[in-house]
Every structure is written in structure tokens, then in C-alpha cells.
Amino acid sequence: MSNIMDVNFNATTADMLKVISEYDDVTGFKGAYNIREDSKCAGRKSSENITIESKTDKPGIDIKVKPFTVGETVYIPACVTHSDVDDLVYNDFYIGEGADVIIVAGCGVHNDGEEQARHNGIHRFFLEKGARVLYKEKHIGTGNGKGLKRIDPVTDCVLGEDSYLEMDTVQLRGVDSSVRTTSAVLDKGAKMIVRERIMTDNDEEAVTKFNVKLNGDDSGADLVSRSVARGNSHQAFYSVVEGNSRCTGHSACDAILADNGRVDAQPALNAANVDAELIHEAAIGKIAGEQILKLCSLGLTKEEAEEKIIEGFLK
């Protein structure tokens, strides 16, 4: 086990870490970690089975998980704490054969100034045979400045034979603009599960793009996005699932509109094999009036009822 430096970050980062990455003031992180603050490393620790090393050719890190590592968690949160920061980072994950780990990769952007604050994390995953990963990513925006708060994650995944990747991603208010781009190529027997939850408000904009290639026999993908667009916000959901083998694929967008919110949903399927079984769904609507009436009859105000319904929808 090794540290490249003591943990050293500001109070704004500390507050955001508690929300995006399960950080505790007393115990810190329970596992390997790399903390990024304003384009610099603010703390790092490897474990016996998980090593984290800086790249030599560009900003970012390589995270290597030894084969058959089970039950460990690695944290790689990134925070931008003031305006006029455009943080770009390249993180590569190499998950050894038979490993079963959790990766927590939250991002927070705080802006009290006039200029834009942005984080752009480009993550690549390479899962070896039989590897399993639960990837958790939560995005938040804070601060009262006029400058935009932007988060634009890019995730590229290569899933080896019989591997499994589950992505649990959350973005609830505060981020003015985000473009979330995820692509994946699946080998024989590989499985990918995505559960995305997004809420936008005011004039915020969020775009989701999925492109998944099911290249191996018995591979499968299940992509589900749930979103709420409030205020004058706008969301767009684009997904393409390609069935190039005997496989199963499912893509769904389920959205609630409130106020003047707008949502575009364009799921697409491309089948190039007679045994490819692909399904897509899209549903956009408002909160049902009878749901609100029922909750109001139990003593809630209309606003409280709406919040309860949205909270349950995004769980």
C-alpha cells in the first residue's frame, strides 16, 4: 500500500466529496483512491490489489486491478471548485480476469464566478474474461456565480468474454450543461447494465448518447434512462444498440415533464444477425393528476406531492 501524498484539498471539495463519493471526514475512503481537485491530484492511495499511477503522456491515471480481486472499492472523484477552470483528464481502468470490484467516480463542479467551470473526464474500461464491475457516478453542480457549470463525461468500454459491467449514474440539478457519451463493445457472453437518472431545472441542458455493439454470441445490454425536466430545461436521449450476433438488447427512456421542460428521445436499433433480439421503448409525459390528488388527500400540499412522486420515480 502506498501514498504519493497526504490528502490535501479545500473545504468546497470536502463538501462535494461527501455527496458524490461517500467520503467521510473521520474515516476518509475505505479503499484505494485518487482525488482530483482543479486539474491536480489532491491525494492518492493504492492497495495491495489495486494500483493507481499517473500517465506520462497526458493528464490522467491508470487504474489496474489484479486478477481475481474481490470485494474492493476504488474511488476516483474529481472536483472543480472555482470558475475559469477547464479540467480534462484521461483515466483508464484495467480489470483483471475474474475480479469483482466497485468503482466510485463522482464529479462536482462549484462556480461562484463569472467564467465557465468545466470537467471533462474521459474514462476507458477494459474488462478481462469473467471480470465484474459496479461503476457508480454521481454529478452535482453548486455555487451562485453567473458562469456555467459543465460536466461532459466520455466512457468507452471493452467487455471481454463473460464479463459484466453495471453503471449507476446520477445527475440531479445544479449542472448547467452536460453531454454524457457512453460507448461499449461486448464480446461473447458479456453483459452491460446501465441505470441513468437525471433531473434538470431552470435553463439546464443534458444530453445522453449511448452506442453499444453486441458483437459476441450471448452478449446482452439493458440501458434504462429515467429523467425529469423542470423549469425551462431541455434533455435529449440518443441510443443506438447494434446486434451483430446472437444477443439481447434493450433500450428505454422514461421521462417526466414539468413546467416548460422539454425532452427528446431517439432510441435506435440496428440488427445484423437473424438471432439478435432487440427492443426499445420511450415514454414522455407529465405527473398524473390522480397521483397528486391521492397524496394531497393524505395531507400533503401539491408541491410536496410532486416532490414525493419525482423522488420515487428517480430511485
Protein backbone atom coordinates (compact mmCIF):
# COMPACT_ATOMS: atom_id res chain seq x y z
CA MET A 1 0.00 0.00 0.00
CA SER A 2 1.38 3.42 -0.91
CA ASN A 3 0.54 7.13 -0.91
CA ILE A 4 2.03 9.64 -3.29
CA MET A 5 0.99 12.47 -0.97
CA ASP A 6 -1.12 13.28 2.06
CA VAL A 7 -4.73 14.16 1.35
CA ASN A 8 -4.84 17.93 0.83
CA PHE A 9 -7.97 19.60 -0.53
CA ASN A 10 -10.12 22.62 0.25
CA ALA A 11 -13.43 22.84 2.12
CA THR A 12 -15.50 23.09 -1.07
CA THR A 13 -14.06 19.84 -2.32
CA ALA A 14 -14.69 18.21 1.06
CA ASP A 15 -18.37 19.16 0.91
CA MET A 16 -18.79 17.83 -2.63
CA LEU A 17 -16.92 14.60 -1.87
CA LYS A 18 -19.49 13.73 0.79
CA VAL A 19 -22.23 13.87 -1.84
CA ILE A 20 -20.55 12.34 -4.88
CA SER A 21 -18.26 9.68 -3.46
CA GLU A 22 -19.22 8.50 0.04
CA TYR A 23 -16.35 10.43 1.66
CA ASP A 24 -16.32 10.62 5.46
CA ASP A 25 -14.45 13.32 7.42
CA VAL A 26 -13.28 10.79 10.01
CA THR A 27 -12.62 7.59 8.09
CA GLY A 28 -11.91 9.06 4.66
CA PHE A 29 -12.17 6.48 1.88
CA LYS A 30 -12.28 2.75 2.63
CA GLY A 31 -10.13 1.56 -0.23
CA ALA A 32 -7.79 2.78 -2.93
CA TYR A 33 -8.44 6.31 -4.16
CA ASN A 34 -7.34 9.22 -6.30
CA ILE A 35 -8.77 12.67 -5.57
CA ARG A 36 -8.62 15.27 -8.32
CA GLU A 37 -9.13 18.96 -7.49
CA ASP A 38 -8.93 21.78 -10.05
CA SER A 39 -6.86 19.72 -12.53
CA LYS A 40 -4.39 18.47 -9.90
CA CYS A 41 -4.06 15.41 -7.69
CA ALA A 42 -5.09 16.18 -4.10
CA GLY A 43 -4.46 12.71 -2.69
CA ARG A 44 -3.84 9.13 -3.75
CA LYS A 45 -3.56 5.69 -2.25
CA SER A 46 -3.11 2.29 -3.89
CA SER A 47 -3.88 -1.05 -2.26
CA GLU A 48 -2.24 -4.43 -2.50
CA ASN A 49 -4.53 -5.44 -5.37
CA ILE A 50 -5.37 -2.08 -6.95
CA THR A 51 -2.64 0.25 -8.20
CA ILE A 52 -3.10 3.84 -9.35
CA GLU A 53 -0.37 5.50 -11.41
CA SER A 54 -0.10 8.83 -13.23
CA LYS A 55 0.02 8.82 -17.01
CA THR A 56 3.23 10.11 -18.53
CA ASP A 57 1.89 11.44 -21.86
CA LYS A 58 -1.30 13.28 -20.82
CA PRO A 59 -3.30 14.23 -17.72
CA GLY A 60 -4.86 11.25 -16.01
CA ILE A 61 -4.24 7.93 -14.32
CA ASP A 62 -4.09 4.19 -14.98
CA ILE A 63 -6.03 2.04 -12.52
CA LYS A 64 -5.03 -1.62 -12.56
CA VAL A 65 -6.98 -4.30 -10.69
CA LYS A 66 -5.23 -7.63 -10.24
CA PRO A 67 -6.95 -10.80 -11.45
CA PHE A 68 -9.43 -12.37 -9.00
CA THR A 69 -9.54 -9.33 -6.71
CA VAL A 70 -12.89 -9.50 -4.93
CA GLY A 71 -14.77 -7.10 -2.64
CA GLU A 72 -12.60 -4.00 -3.01
CA THR A 73 -13.63 -0.43 -3.90
CA VAL A 74 -11.62 2.25 -5.66
CA TYR A 75 -12.63 5.92 -5.54
CA ILE A 76 -11.67 8.43 -8.24
CA PRO A 77 -13.71 11.61 -7.57
CA ALA A 78 -12.97 14.86 -9.42
CA CYS A 79 -13.90 18.36 -8.25
CA VAL A 80 -13.72 21.80 -9.80
CA THR A 81 -14.05 24.47 -7.10
CA HIS A 82 -13.98 27.81 -8.91
CA SER A 83 -14.61 29.47 -12.27
CA ASP A 84 -12.23 29.66 -15.22
CA VAL A 85 -11.20 26.00 -14.91
CA ASP A 86 -11.43 23.61 -17.87
CA ASP A 87 -10.36 20.26 -16.46
CA LEU A 88 -9.61 17.46 -18.92
CA VAL A 89 -8.50 14.06 -17.65
CA TYR A 90 -7.95 10.60 -19.16
CA ASN A 91 -8.49 7.64 -16.84
CA ASP A 92 -8.00 4.03 -17.96
CA PHE A 93 -9.26 1.04 -15.96
CA TYR A 94 -7.71 -2.39 -16.47
CA ILE A 95 -9.79 -5.02 -14.68
CA GLY A 96 -8.10 -8.40 -14.39
CA GLU A 97 -9.68 -11.77 -15.09
CA GLY A 98 -12.23 -12.87 -12.50
CA ALA A 99 -12.05 -9.65 -10.48
CA ASP A 100 -15.22 -8.28 -8.84
CA VAL A 101 -14.88 -4.65 -7.71
CA ILE A 102 -16.73 -1.36 -7.22
CA ILE A 103 -15.56 1.89 -8.82
CA VAL A 104 -16.91 5.21 -7.49
CA ALA A 105 -16.23 8.10 -9.86
CA GLY A 106 -18.30 11.12 -8.86
CA CYS A 107 -17.77 14.65 -10.13
CA GLY A 108 -18.67 18.01 -8.60
CA VAL A 109 -18.38 21.49 -10.13
CA HIS A 110 -18.66 24.60 -7.95
CA ASN A 111 -18.80 28.05 -9.51
CA ASP A 112 -19.26 31.38 -7.73
CA GLY A 113 -17.65 33.42 -10.50
CA GLU A 114 -18.33 34.88 -13.94
CA GLU A 115 -16.37 32.42 -16.09
CA GLN A 116 -17.24 28.85 -17.00
CA ALA A 117 -16.16 25.90 -14.83
CA ARG A 118 -15.95 22.54 -16.61
CA HIS A 119 -14.85 18.96 -16.01
CA ASN A 120 -14.38 16.55 -18.89
CA GLY A 121 -13.44 13.03 -17.80
CA ILE A 122 -12.59 10.50 -20.50
CA HIS A 123 -12.77 7.01 -18.99
CA ARG A 124 -11.85 3.76 -20.72
CA PHE A 125 -12.69 0.35 -19.28
CA PHE A 126 -11.01 -2.89 -20.26
CA LEU A 127 -12.62 -5.91 -18.60
CA GLU A 128 -10.87 -9.26 -18.91
CA LYS A 129 -12.63 -12.62 -19.02
CA GLY A 130 -15.17 -13.05 -16.22
CA ALA A 131 -14.46 -9.66 -14.62
CA ARG A 132 -17.32 -7.85 -12.87
CA VAL A 133 -17.55 -4.10 -12.16
CA LEU A 134 -20.15 -1.92 -10.48
CA TYR A 135 -19.46 1.64 -11.62
CA LYS A 136 -21.13 4.44 -9.63
CA GLU A 137 -21.07 8.01 -10.88
CA LYS A 138 -22.87 10.99 -9.34
CA HIS A 139 -22.67 14.53 -10.76
CA ILE A 140 -23.56 17.75 -8.94
CA GLY A 141 -23.23 21.48 -9.57
CA THR A 142 -23.10 24.09 -6.80
CA GLY A 143 -22.40 27.80 -6.42
CA ASN A 144 -24.25 31.00 -7.32
CA GLY A 145 -21.96 32.51 -9.94
CA LYS A 146 -23.12 33.52 -13.41
CA GLY A 147 -20.52 31.29 -15.06
CA LEU A 148 -21.73 27.96 -16.44
CA LYS A 149 -21.16 24.69 -14.58
CA ARG A 150 -20.42 21.98 -17.15
CA ILE A 151 -19.71 18.26 -16.89
CA ASP A 152 -19.05 16.28 -20.09
CA PRO A 153 -18.10 12.66 -19.31
CA VAL A 154 -17.00 10.22 -22.02
CA THR A 155 -16.96 6.50 -21.23
CA ASP A 156 -15.59 3.83 -23.58
CA CYS A 157 -15.93 0.18 -22.57
CA VAL A 158 -14.43 -3.03 -23.91
CA LEU A 159 -16.03 -6.05 -22.26
CA GLY A 160 -14.21 -9.35 -22.59
CA GLU A 161 -15.76 -12.80 -22.63
CA ASP A 162 -18.33 -13.41 -19.85
CA SER A 163 -17.56 -10.06 -18.19
CA TYR A 164 -20.18 -7.83 -16.55
CA LEU A 165 -20.40 -4.06 -16.21
CA GLU A 166 -23.16 -2.27 -14.31
CA MET A 167 -23.27 1.52 -14.47
CA ASP A 168 -25.33 3.51 -11.94
CA THR A 169 -25.21 7.19 -12.91
CA VAL A 170 -27.00 10.14 -11.29
CA GLN A 171 -27.22 13.85 -12.09
CA LEU A 172 -29.78 15.80 -10.07
CA ARG A 173 -29.90 19.57 -10.66
CA GLY A 174 -27.17 22.16 -10.49
CA VAL A 175 -25.28 21.26 -13.69
CA ASP A 176 -26.00 23.87 -16.37
CA SER A 177 -24.80 21.81 -19.30
CA SER A 178 -23.78 18.20 -19.72
CA VAL A 179 -23.14 15.82 -22.61
CA ARG A 180 -22.79 12.22 -21.43
CA THR A 181 -21.34 9.92 -24.08
CA THR A 182 -21.04 6.16 -23.50
CA SER A 183 -19.90 3.52 -25.97
CA ALA A 184 -19.27 -0.18 -25.48
CA VAL A 185 -18.20 -3.28 -27.38
CA LEU A 186 -19.24 -6.62 -25.90
CA ASP A 187 -17.60 -9.99 -26.51
CA LYS A 188 -19.12 -13.45 -26.11
CA GLY A 189 -21.34 -13.77 -23.02
CA ALA A 190 -20.61 -10.23 -21.80
CA LYS A 191 -23.39 -8.23 -20.13
CA MET A 192 -23.86 -4.49 -19.63
CA ILE A 193 -26.50 -2.85 -17.40
CA VAL A 194 -26.99 0.92 -17.30
CA ARG A 195 -29.30 2.78 -14.93
CA GLU A 196 -29.26 6.53 -15.53
CA ARG A 197 -31.20 9.13 -13.51
CA ILE A 198 -31.23 12.81 -14.48
CA MET A 199 -33.07 15.88 -13.24
CA THR A 200 -32.76 19.29 -14.86
CA ASP A 201 -34.27 22.62 -13.86
CA ASN A 202 -34.20 26.31 -14.85
CA ASP A 203 -32.33 26.60 -18.18
CA GLU A 204 -30.16 23.50 -17.74
CA GLU A 205 -29.45 21.16 -20.63
CA ALA A 206 -28.47 17.47 -20.52
CA VAL A 207 -27.68 15.20 -23.45
CA THR A 208 -27.19 11.44 -23.21
CA LYS A 209 -25.62 9.39 -26.01
CA PHE A 210 -25.30 5.59 -25.96
CA ASN A 211 -23.73 3.39 -28.62
CA VAL A 212 -23.43 -0.32 -27.78
CA LYS A 213 -22.16 -3.04 -30.11
CA LEU A 214 -23.19 -6.59 -29.19
CA ASN A 215 -20.52 -8.44 -31.12
CA GLY A 216 -20.30 -11.74 -29.22
CA ASP A 217 -22.84 -14.55 -29.05
CA ASP A 218 -24.99 -14.47 -25.91
CA SER A 219 -23.96 -10.91 -25.10
CA GLY A 220 -26.59 -8.54 -23.75
CA ALA A 221 -27.26 -4.92 -22.84
CA ASP A 222 -30.02 -3.25 -20.83
CA LEU A 223 -29.95 0.57 -20.98
CA VAL A 224 -32.55 2.47 -18.96
CA SER A 225 -32.71 6.25 -18.53
CA ARG A 226 -35.16 7.95 -16.16
CA SER A 227 -35.35 11.71 -16.22
CA VAL A 228 -37.30 14.74 -15.04
CA ALA A 229 -37.19 18.04 -16.95
CA ARG A 230 -38.43 21.05 -14.95
CA GLY A 231 -38.37 24.81 -15.45
CA ASN A 232 -37.20 25.70 -18.96
CA SER A 233 -34.69 22.86 -19.12
CA HIS A 234 -34.06 20.56 -22.06
CA GLN A 235 -32.93 16.96 -22.23
CA ALA A 236 -32.07 14.71 -25.16
CA PHE A 237 -31.65 10.94 -25.17
CA TYR A 238 -29.97 9.18 -28.09
CA SER A 239 -29.18 5.49 -28.02
CA VAL A 240 -28.03 3.02 -30.65
CA VAL A 241 -27.87 -0.70 -29.90
CA GLU A 242 -26.24 -2.84 -32.57
CA GLY A 243 -26.95 -6.56 -32.60
CA ASN A 244 -24.14 -8.19 -34.56
CA SER A 245 -24.53 -11.68 -33.10
CA ARG A 246 -26.97 -13.92 -31.21
CA CYS A 247 -27.70 -11.40 -28.47
CA THR A 248 -30.31 -9.48 -26.50
CA GLY A 249 -30.56 -5.71 -26.27
CA HIS A 250 -32.98 -3.34 -24.55
CA SER A 251 -33.02 0.46 -24.51
CA ALA A 252 -35.57 2.60 -22.67
CA CYS A 253 -36.14 6.29 -21.94
CA ASP A 254 -38.81 7.21 -19.39
CA ALA A 255 -39.24 10.94 -18.79
CA ILE A 256 -41.49 13.29 -16.81
CA LEU A 257 -42.13 16.86 -17.93
CA ALA A 258 -42.94 19.70 -15.54
CA ASP A 259 -43.35 23.44 -16.11
CA ASN A 260 -41.86 24.19 -19.55
CA GLY A 261 -39.39 21.31 -19.64
CA ARG A 262 -38.60 19.59 -22.96
CA VAL A 263 -37.33 16.08 -23.70
CA ASP A 264 -36.23 14.50 -26.99
CA ALA A 265 -35.92 10.70 -27.11
CA GLN A 266 -34.46 8.87 -30.09
CA PRO A 267 -33.70 5.21 -29.34
CA ALA A 268 -32.47 3.20 -32.33
CA LEU A 269 -31.78 -0.46 -33.05
CA ASN A 270 -29.52 -1.94 -35.71
CA ALA A 271 -29.75 -5.70 -36.22
CA ALA A 272 -27.18 -7.50 -38.37
CA ASN A 273 -27.85 -11.05 -37.18
CA VAL A 274 -31.01 -13.12 -37.52
CA ASP A 275 -30.72 -14.17 -33.86
CA ALA A 276 -30.40 -10.65 -32.48
CA GLU A 277 -33.32 -9.81 -30.15
CA LEU A 278 -33.55 -6.04 -29.71
CA ILE A 279 -36.23 -3.88 -28.06
CA HIS A 280 -36.52 -0.15 -27.49
CA GLU A 281 -39.03 1.96 -25.54
CA ALA A 282 -39.64 5.65 -24.97
CA ALA A 283 -42.29 7.29 -22.77
CA ILE A 284 -42.63 11.01 -22.06
CA GLY A 285 -45.45 12.55 -20.03
CA LYS A 286 -46.47 14.59 -17.02
CA ILE A 287 -47.25 13.55 -13.47
CA ALA A 288 -50.71 12.01 -13.38
CA GLY A 289 -53.29 14.20 -11.68
CA GLU A 290 -54.78 11.30 -9.73
CA GLN A 291 -51.38 10.61 -8.16
CA ILE A 292 -51.20 14.16 -6.84
CA LEU A 293 -54.81 14.08 -5.62
CA LYS A 294 -54.21 10.85 -3.73
CA LEU A 295 -51.19 12.24 -1.91
CA CYS A 296 -52.95 15.55 -1.21
CA SER A 297 -55.78 13.58 0.39
CA LEU A 298 -53.19 12.23 2.82
CA GLY A 299 -52.26 15.75 3.94
CA LEU A 300 -49.51 16.78 1.52
CA THR A 301 -49.53 20.04 -0.42
CA LYS A 302 -49.45 19.87 -4.22
CA GLU A 303 -45.76 20.82 -4.23
CA GLU A 304 -44.92 18.19 -1.60
CA ALA A 305 -46.87 15.58 -3.56
CA GLU A 306 -44.96 16.37 -6.76
CA GLU A 307 -41.64 16.10 -4.93
CA LYS A 308 -42.59 12.71 -3.46
CA ILE A 309 -43.63 11.36 -6.87
CA ILE A 310 -40.43 12.59 -8.53
CA GLU A 311 -38.32 11.21 -5.69
CA GLY A 312 -39.88 7.77 -6.10
CA PHE A 313 -39.57 7.93 -9.89
CA LEU A 314 -35.85 8.64 -9.76
CA LYS A 315 -34.96 5.96 -7.18
